[in-house]
Protein backbone atom coordinates (compact mmCIF):
# COMPACT_ATOMS: atom_id res chain seq x y z
CA MET A 1 9.29 18.60 3.44
CA ALA A 2 6.85 16.01 4.47
CA HIS A 3 7.51 14.23 8.06
CA PRO A 4 10.32 11.37 7.57
CA LEU A 5 7.68 8.62 8.28
CA VAL A 6 5.97 9.54 4.82
CA LEU A 7 9.09 9.36 3.12
CA GLN A 8 9.50 6.28 4.09
CA LEU A 9 5.67 5.56 3.07
CA HIS A 10 7.16 7.20 0.00
CA PHE A 11 10.03 4.08 0.11
CA CYS A 12 7.61 1.40 0.58
CA ARG A 13 5.26 2.14 -2.29
CA ASN A 14 8.25 2.66 -5.17
CA GLU A 15 9.57 -1.09 -3.87
CA LEU A 16 5.69 -2.16 -4.51
CA LYS A 17 6.16 -0.58 -7.79
CA ARG A 18 9.83 -2.62 -8.00
CA ALA A 19 8.76 -5.77 -6.82
CA MET A 20 5.79 -6.00 -9.61
CA GLU A 21 7.98 -4.79 -12.52
CA GLY A 22 8.12 -7.33 -15.22
CA VAL A 23 4.98 -9.04 -14.51
CA THR A 24 2.64 -10.18 -17.20
CA GLU A 25 -1.35 -8.92 -16.59
CA ALA A 26 -1.60 -13.60 -17.13
CA GLU A 27 0.33 -13.74 -14.21
CA ALA A 28 -1.38 -11.14 -12.33
CA VAL A 29 -4.67 -12.48 -12.23
CA ARG A 30 -3.28 -16.18 -11.59
CA ARG A 31 -3.57 -17.21 -7.96
CA LEU A 32 -1.20 -19.38 -5.85
CA GLU A 33 -3.60 -20.89 -3.63
CA PRO A 34 -3.14 -20.22 -0.79
CA MET A 35 -1.78 -17.04 -1.54
CA ASN A 36 -3.63 -13.83 -3.08
CA SER A 37 -2.73 -12.78 -7.42
CA LEU A 38 -0.63 -10.05 -7.45
CA GLY A 39 -3.38 -7.93 -9.09
CA TRP A 40 -5.08 -8.74 -5.65
CA MET A 41 -2.40 -6.92 -4.09
CA VAL A 42 -2.18 -4.06 -5.40
CA ALA A 43 -5.84 -3.67 -4.46
CA HIS A 44 -5.37 -4.07 -1.56
CA LEU A 45 -2.71 -1.71 -0.53
CA ALA A 46 -5.18 0.56 -2.48
CA ARG A 47 -7.41 -0.07 -0.47
CA GLN A 48 -5.89 0.59 2.78
CA GLU A 49 -4.45 3.96 1.87
CA GLN A 50 -8.41 4.74 0.62
CA GLN A 51 -10.13 3.83 4.22
CA TYR A 52 -6.94 5.26 5.89
CA TRP A 53 -6.02 8.82 4.37
CA LEU A 54 -9.41 9.34 2.40
CA ILE A 55 -12.14 7.94 4.01
CA TRP A 56 -11.11 8.79 7.64
CA ALA A 57 -9.44 10.73 7.24
CA GLN A 58 -10.84 13.26 4.55
CA GLY A 59 -14.41 11.65 4.22
CA GLN A 60 -13.76 10.56 0.34
CA THR A 61 -14.16 7.08 -1.24
CA LEU A 62 -12.27 7.36 -4.47
CA VAL A 63 -12.55 3.90 -6.28
CA PRO A 64 -15.61 2.28 -3.90
CA GLU A 65 -14.95 -0.91 -5.84
CA LEU A 66 -11.88 -1.21 -3.78
CA ILE A 67 -13.65 -1.84 -0.75
CA GLU A 68 -15.28 -5.46 -2.22
CA LEU A 69 -12.49 -5.90 -4.41
CA ALA A 70 -9.64 -6.29 -1.91
CA SER A 71 -10.84 -6.75 1.93
CA SER A 72 -9.14 -8.78 4.32
CA GLY A 73 -11.08 -11.86 4.93
CA ALA A 74 -13.00 -11.37 1.98
CA PRO A 75 -13.26 -14.24 -0.58
CA PRO A 76 -10.49 -14.24 -2.83
CA THR A 77 -10.68 -11.80 -6.17
CA THR A 78 -8.12 -11.94 -9.28
CA PRO A 79 -7.98 -8.43 -10.46
CA PRO A 80 -6.21 -7.28 -13.47
CA LEU A 81 -3.40 -5.71 -12.68
CA ALA A 82 -3.09 -2.99 -15.03
CA GLU A 83 -6.68 -1.40 -13.47
CA MET A 84 -5.77 -1.75 -10.18
CA TRP A 85 -2.21 0.36 -11.11
CA VAL A 86 -4.98 2.62 -12.31
CA ALA A 87 -6.80 2.49 -8.95
CA TRP A 88 -3.73 2.57 -6.70
CA GLU A 89 -2.33 5.50 -7.92
CA LYS A 90 -5.87 7.57 -8.46
CA VAL A 91 -5.82 6.97 -4.52
CA ILE A 92 -2.13 8.11 -3.90
CA SER A 93 -2.42 10.67 -5.79
CA ALA A 94 -5.33 12.27 -3.53
CA ALA A 95 -3.80 11.04 -0.20
CA GLN A 96 -0.58 12.53 -0.80
CA PRO A 97 -1.05 16.16 -0.22
CA TRP A 98 -3.15 14.97 3.18
CA LEU A 99 0.19 12.75 4.00
CA ASP A 100 2.89 15.18 3.06
CA ASN A 101 1.19 18.09 5.06
CA LEU A 102 1.49 15.65 8.78
CA THR A 103 3.78 17.41 11.53
CA THR A 104 4.80 15.11 13.97
CA SER A 105 2.03 16.56 16.15
CA ASP A 106 -1.03 15.11 13.74
CA LEU A 107 0.89 11.63 14.30
CA THR A 108 0.07 11.51 17.77
CA THR A 109 -3.41 12.34 17.51
CA HIS A 110 -6.09 9.81 16.69
CA MET A 111 -8.38 10.28 13.41
CA LEU A 112 -12.41 10.47 14.61
CA VAL A 113 -14.49 8.20 13.03
CA ASN A 114 -18.35 8.58 13.44
CA GLY A 115 -17.15 11.36 15.71
CA GLN A 116 -14.91 8.23 17.97
CA PRO A 117 -11.60 8.41 17.89
CA LEU A 118 -9.12 5.27 15.76
CA TRP A 119 -7.80 2.37 18.21
CA GLU A 120 -4.59 3.67 16.88
CA SER A 121 -2.88 7.23 16.23
CA THR A 122 -2.36 8.21 13.03
CA GLY A 123 1.58 7.88 12.80
CA THR A 124 1.11 4.26 14.17
CA LEU A 125 -1.67 3.79 11.32
CA LEU A 126 1.13 5.02 9.13
CA ARG A 127 3.74 3.02 10.17
CA ARG A 128 1.19 -0.02 9.88
CA VAL A 129 0.75 1.11 6.02
CA ALA A 130 4.23 0.86 5.56
CA TYR A 131 5.23 -2.55 7.02
CA HIS A 132 2.25 -3.86 5.19
CA TYR A 133 3.72 -3.25 1.84
CA PHE A 134 6.35 -4.99 2.92
CA TYR A 135 4.35 -7.99 3.77
CA HIS A 136 3.09 -7.88 0.69
CA ILE A 137 6.23 -7.09 -1.16
CA GLY A 138 7.70 -10.77 0.30
CA GLU A 139 4.40 -12.40 -0.65
CA SER A 140 4.67 -11.15 -4.06
CA GLN A 141 8.41 -12.28 -4.84
CA ALA A 142 7.41 -15.48 -3.31
CA VAL A 143 4.44 -15.90 -5.79
CA ARG A 144 6.50 -14.81 -8.59
CA GLN A 145 9.31 -17.40 -7.63
CA LEU A 146 6.71 -20.14 -7.61
CA MET A 147 5.78 -18.90 -11.08
CA GLY A 148 9.37 -19.25 -12.15
CA HIS A 149 10.81 -15.99 -12.30
CA GLN A 150 14.26 -15.43 -12.37
CA GLY A 151 16.12 -12.93 -10.44
CA VAL A 152 13.65 -11.24 -8.76
CA GLY A 153 14.57 -8.20 -6.87
CA ASP A 154 16.60 -7.79 -4.07
CA PHE A 155 14.27 -6.23 -0.70
CA VAL A 156 14.60 -3.81 0.45
CA GLY A 157 16.20 -1.73 -1.71
CA GLU A 158 18.37 1.57 -2.20
CA ILE A 159 16.97 3.08 1.34
CA GLY A 160 20.32 4.41 1.98
CA ASP A 161 20.28 6.55 -1.23
CA LYS A 162 16.09 6.72 -1.32
CA ALA A 163 15.10 7.04 1.97
CA PRO A 164 17.93 7.34 4.57
CA TYR A 165 16.91 7.68 8.22
CA VAL A 166 16.24 11.51 8.62
CA PRO A 167 15.32 12.86 11.93
CA GLU A 168 12.18 14.24 12.58
């Protein structure tokens, strides 16, 4: 079984998918400044997971266009949602086996990048990614409400059923 922090990340990913249910392609590329487009949010979270779990942890870049398309501080973009879901799924699928094999001991270590340890442990990076998901889930719900969507989902969803506390 995957480490409990990895299971929480699974939940966060599913909450992102739930947050985007019913979004059209036209809505996903619309940008209500200064907020990001919904397509960008999916791309941005895929970019972060690729950076951490594929580039840094495994030395592979599967979707290089995510780096320029969805980096923090880069010029705003409005990528198509369907394409970003494909990129997101590709990154998630490639990262998941590595994540599923993490142990408590692994989470206390720092990955090496160019021979230097990262500033945060792998476990802290894992938490950073999970919390980052909820930051953009909240942003996505605000964007959807401004677009006139009614009855957007309640968050955090069924955490007690789908991702309850599990001791290490």
